[in-house]
Amino acid sequence: MATTLHEPPAGVERLADFSGNGGGRNLAPAGGNLRAVEDRPLDPAQTGIWVALAAITMGFASLTSAMVVRQGTGLDWRHLTLPPILYLNTVLLLASSLTLEIARRRIAGYARGLDRRLAIPMGWLLATLALGLLFVAGQYAAWLRLKAAGLYLATNPNSSFFYLFTGVHAVHVLGGLAGLVYVLSKLHRSILRRSTLAAAAQYWHFMGLLWLYLLSLLWLKL
C-alpha cells in the first residue's frame, strides 16, 4: 500500500535525509519520525539556555563585585602581569565563534538540500571543537606560567582572582564543548533540531563575549 507524505506544519525544520529517502527532498526522514526533527513553539533547549546564561551572568557578576570590594578594602593588593598567551587564547575563542557560524550556514544549506555533502558542516563543527580545546589548553599554559613565576592560588588576592575567573570560565567552556559534541552526534544521525543548534551556538558565543569581559576586567584590575 502506498504511503502519502503530508506537508508538515509551519516552522518545521529538517536535515536532508542522507539515507536515500527521496534524495533529500522529502519532508520526513527515512524512518518516518517527523517528531525527531521538528521544532516546538516552546522548545526546552531554548528555555534552558536562557536560564543557564542568566545564572552564569549572575555568578560572574557576584565574583566581579567580590573582587572590587576586596581590592578596595585590602592593603595587600599587588599588580599582576597577565601571561601574553591569554591574547592568543582570545583569538582562538573568537575564531571558534566564526567557524561555528559557518557551520550553521552549511547545516542550513544541507537541511534545504542545497548541499548534499554532510562532511562539510561536520568539518566546520570539528574545527570549532578543536579551537575550543586549544583555548582550554592555552588557559592551562597561562596557569603554568603563573606557577613558574611563583604565583599560586593562595599567593595573593590578585592571583586568587585570576585563577578563579579563568578557571570557572574554562569549566563553562568545557560544558560548551560537550554541547558541540552532542550537536555533532545529532547531525551525524540527521536528527538535529534547529533549536538545539541555536541553543549550542548561543551558549558558545556567550562564552566568547564573557571572556572578552573577563580579560578586560583582569587587565584593568589586576
Protein backbone atom coordinates (compact mmCIF):
# COMPACT_ATOMS: atom_id res chain seq x y z
CA MET A 1 0.00 0.00 0.00
CA ALA A 2 1.40 3.39 -0.94
CA THR A 3 2.22 5.87 1.80
CA THR A 4 1.25 9.52 1.43
CA LEU A 5 3.54 12.13 2.93
CA HIS A 6 1.70 15.25 4.07
CA GLU A 7 3.16 18.73 4.31
CA PRO A 8 4.38 19.45 7.87
CA PRO A 9 3.07 22.37 9.89
CA ALA A 10 4.72 25.77 9.57
CA GLY A 11 8.00 26.17 11.40
CA VAL A 12 9.25 22.62 10.85
CA GLU A 13 12.95 22.38 10.13
CA ARG A 14 14.63 19.21 8.99
CA LEU A 15 18.01 17.90 7.96
CA ALA A 16 18.29 16.43 4.49
CA ASP A 17 17.76 12.68 4.51
CA PHE A 18 21.08 11.12 3.56
CA SER A 19 19.80 7.55 3.80
CA GLY A 20 18.20 7.53 0.36
CA ASN A 21 14.64 8.66 1.11
CA GLY A 22 13.82 10.96 -1.80
CA GLY A 23 17.31 12.37 -2.27
CA GLY A 24 16.83 14.92 0.48
CA ARG A 25 13.57 16.32 -0.93
CA ASN A 26 11.04 14.58 1.33
CA LEU A 27 9.89 16.30 4.49
CA ALA A 28 10.12 13.21 6.68
CA PRO A 29 13.27 11.22 7.49
CA ALA A 30 13.74 7.66 6.30
CA GLY A 31 12.22 6.25 9.47
CA GLY A 32 9.14 8.45 9.10
CA ASN A 33 9.69 10.01 12.53
CA LEU A 34 8.89 13.64 11.78
CA ARG A 35 8.77 14.44 15.51
CA ALA A 36 12.51 13.75 15.71
CA VAL A 37 13.36 16.80 13.62
CA GLU A 38 10.56 19.29 14.17
CA ASP A 39 10.70 22.38 16.35
CA ARG A 40 8.13 23.02 19.03
CA PRO A 41 6.94 26.54 19.94
CA LEU A 42 8.49 26.31 23.43
CA ASP A 43 11.46 24.04 22.93
CA PRO A 44 13.21 23.03 26.19
CA ALA A 45 16.60 23.76 24.61
CA GLN A 46 15.73 27.42 24.07
CA THR A 47 14.21 27.83 27.51
CA GLY A 48 17.07 26.04 29.23
CA ILE A 49 19.81 28.02 27.52
CA TRP A 50 18.40 31.38 28.59
CA VAL A 51 18.08 30.17 32.18
CA ALA A 52 21.66 28.91 32.08
CA LEU A 53 23.03 32.14 30.62
CA ALA A 54 21.19 34.20 33.23
CA ALA A 55 22.62 32.07 36.02
CA ILE A 56 26.15 32.31 34.62
CA THR A 57 25.83 36.08 34.26
CA MET A 58 24.70 36.45 37.86
CA GLY A 59 27.52 34.24 39.07
CA PHE A 60 30.25 36.23 37.35
CA ALA A 61 28.63 39.50 38.41
CA SER A 62 28.90 38.32 42.01
CA LEU A 63 32.57 37.40 41.53
CA THR A 64 33.24 40.80 39.99
CA SER A 65 31.61 42.55 42.90
CA ALA A 66 33.64 40.48 45.36
CA MET A 67 36.88 41.40 43.57
CA VAL A 68 36.09 45.11 43.54
CA VAL A 69 35.24 45.06 47.25
CA ARG A 70 38.37 43.04 48.10
CA GLN A 71 40.56 45.43 46.15
CA GLY A 72 39.14 48.45 47.93
CA THR A 73 39.37 47.07 51.46
CA GLY A 74 42.73 45.28 51.44
CA LEU A 75 46.27 46.65 51.63
CA ASP A 76 47.86 43.55 50.08
CA TRP A 77 46.65 44.13 46.52
CA ARG A 78 49.60 43.68 44.15
CA HIS A 79 49.89 44.26 40.41
CA LEU A 80 49.81 41.11 38.29
CA THR A 81 51.17 40.94 34.76
CA LEU A 82 48.86 38.86 32.62
CA PRO A 83 50.50 36.00 30.68
CA PRO A 84 50.75 37.03 26.98
CA ILE A 85 49.26 33.72 25.89
CA LEU A 86 45.87 34.99 27.06
CA TYR A 87 45.71 37.21 23.98
CA LEU A 88 46.36 34.24 21.68
CA ASN A 89 43.67 32.34 23.55
CA THR A 90 41.29 35.22 22.86
CA VAL A 91 41.96 34.96 19.12
CA LEU A 92 41.32 31.20 19.24
CA LEU A 93 38.00 31.61 21.01
CA LEU A 94 36.81 34.35 18.67
CA ALA A 95 37.86 32.25 15.67
CA SER A 96 35.81 29.35 17.04
CA SER A 97 32.70 31.56 17.01
CA LEU A 98 33.38 32.30 13.33
CA THR A 99 33.76 28.63 12.40
CA LEU A 100 30.59 27.81 14.31
CA GLU A 101 28.62 30.39 12.34
CA ILE A 102 29.99 28.97 9.10
CA ALA A 103 28.91 25.52 10.27
CA ARG A 104 25.39 26.82 10.96
CA ARG A 105 25.11 28.21 7.45
CA ARG A 106 26.37 24.95 5.98
CA ILE A 107 23.90 22.96 8.05
CA ALA A 108 21.05 25.20 6.89
CA GLY A 109 22.06 24.59 3.27
CA TYR A 110 22.28 20.87 3.89
CA ALA A 111 18.83 20.84 5.50
CA ARG A 112 17.34 22.52 2.45
CA GLY A 113 19.03 20.13 0.06
CA LEU A 114 21.31 22.82 -1.37
CA ASP A 115 24.41 20.83 -0.48
CA ARG A 116 24.42 17.04 -0.07
CA ARG A 117 27.90 16.87 1.48
CA LEU A 118 27.42 16.23 5.20
CA ALA A 119 31.18 16.21 5.75
CA ILE A 120 31.42 19.97 5.14
CA PRO A 121 29.25 21.20 8.08
CA MET A 122 30.67 18.45 10.27
CA GLY A 123 34.17 19.61 9.36
CA TRP A 124 33.41 23.18 10.46
CA LEU A 125 31.93 21.91 13.71
CA LEU A 126 35.04 19.83 14.32
CA ALA A 127 37.15 22.94 13.67
CA THR A 128 35.11 24.79 16.30
CA LEU A 129 35.66 21.92 18.71
CA ALA A 130 39.42 21.92 18.05
CA LEU A 131 39.71 25.68 18.58
CA GLY A 132 37.79 25.39 21.84
CA LEU A 133 40.13 22.67 23.06
CA LEU A 134 43.14 24.79 22.10
CA PHE A 135 41.65 27.67 24.12
CA VAL A 136 41.38 25.49 27.23
CA ALA A 137 44.92 24.19 26.68
CA GLY A 138 46.10 27.79 26.35
CA GLN A 139 44.45 28.68 29.65
CA TYR A 140 46.27 25.79 31.29
CA ALA A 141 49.53 27.10 29.81
CA ALA A 142 48.75 30.51 31.36
CA TRP A 143 48.31 28.88 34.76
CA LEU A 144 51.65 27.11 34.34
CA ARG A 145 53.26 30.46 33.52
CA LEU A 146 51.95 31.98 36.75
CA LYS A 147 53.06 28.91 38.67
CA ALA A 148 56.57 29.26 37.25
CA ALA A 149 56.58 32.87 38.45
CA GLY A 150 55.73 31.73 41.96
CA LEU A 151 52.11 32.85 41.84
CA TYR A 152 49.68 30.24 43.16
CA LEU A 153 46.02 30.30 44.10
CA ALA A 154 46.74 31.47 47.65
CA THR A 155 49.82 33.63 46.97
CA ASN A 156 47.91 36.95 47.00
CA PRO A 157 44.38 38.21 46.24
CA ASN A 158 45.34 39.06 42.65
CA SER A 159 46.46 35.56 41.75
CA SER A 160 43.48 34.09 43.60
CA PHE A 161 41.01 36.04 41.48
CA PHE A 162 42.96 35.27 38.30
CA TYR A 163 42.76 31.52 38.88
CA LEU A 164 39.13 31.82 39.99
CA PHE A 165 37.89 33.80 36.99
CA THR A 166 39.83 31.90 34.35
CA GLY A 167 39.17 28.51 35.96
CA VAL A 168 35.41 28.94 36.27
CA HIS A 169 35.23 30.25 32.71
CA ALA A 170 37.26 27.28 31.44
CA VAL A 171 34.83 24.89 33.13
CA HIS A 172 31.94 26.58 31.34
CA VAL A 173 33.83 26.38 28.04
CA LEU A 174 34.23 22.64 28.60
CA GLY A 175 30.47 22.48 29.05
CA GLY A 176 30.08 24.23 25.71
CA LEU A 177 32.43 21.72 24.10
CA ALA A 178 30.25 18.91 25.43
CA GLY A 179 27.28 20.63 23.80
CA LEU A 180 29.12 20.77 20.48
CA VAL A 181 29.86 17.05 20.69
CA TYR A 182 26.14 16.47 21.26
CA VAL A 183 25.31 18.59 18.19
CA LEU A 184 27.81 16.60 16.12
CA SER A 185 26.23 13.32 17.15
CA LYS A 186 22.74 14.57 16.27
CA LEU A 187 23.93 15.94 12.93
CA HIS A 188 25.61 12.65 12.06
CA ARG A 189 22.31 10.82 12.61
CA SER A 190 20.33 13.52 10.77
CA ILE A 191 18.09 14.24 13.75
CA LEU A 192 19.47 17.64 14.72
CA ARG A 193 16.84 20.21 15.62
CA ARG A 194 17.30 23.81 14.64
CA SER A 195 16.59 24.87 18.23
CA THR A 196 19.29 22.54 19.57
CA LEU A 197 21.88 24.01 17.24
CA ALA A 198 20.73 27.56 18.05
CA ALA A 199 21.00 26.91 21.79
CA ALA A 200 24.52 25.47 21.47
CA ALA A 201 25.58 28.43 19.31
CA GLN A 202 24.11 30.99 21.72
CA TYR A 203 25.96 29.41 24.62
CA TRP A 204 29.23 29.29 22.71
CA HIS A 205 29.06 32.88 21.51
CA PHE A 206 28.20 33.94 25.06
CA MET A 207 31.40 32.25 26.28
CA GLY A 208 33.36 34.37 23.82
CA LEU A 209 31.72 37.61 24.94
CA LEU A 210 32.14 36.64 28.57
CA TRP A 211 35.84 36.01 28.04
CA LEU A 212 36.30 39.45 26.44
CA TYR A 213 34.68 40.96 29.53
CA LEU A 214 36.86 38.91 31.89
CA LEU A 215 40.08 39.70 30.02
CA SER A 216 39.27 43.42 30.16
CA LEU A 217 38.43 43.16 33.85
CA LEU A 218 41.62 41.29 34.70
CA TRP A 219 43.73 43.72 32.67
CA LEU A 220 42.21 46.75 34.41
CA LYS A 221 42.01 45.42 37.96
CA LEU A 222 44.91 43.03 38.34
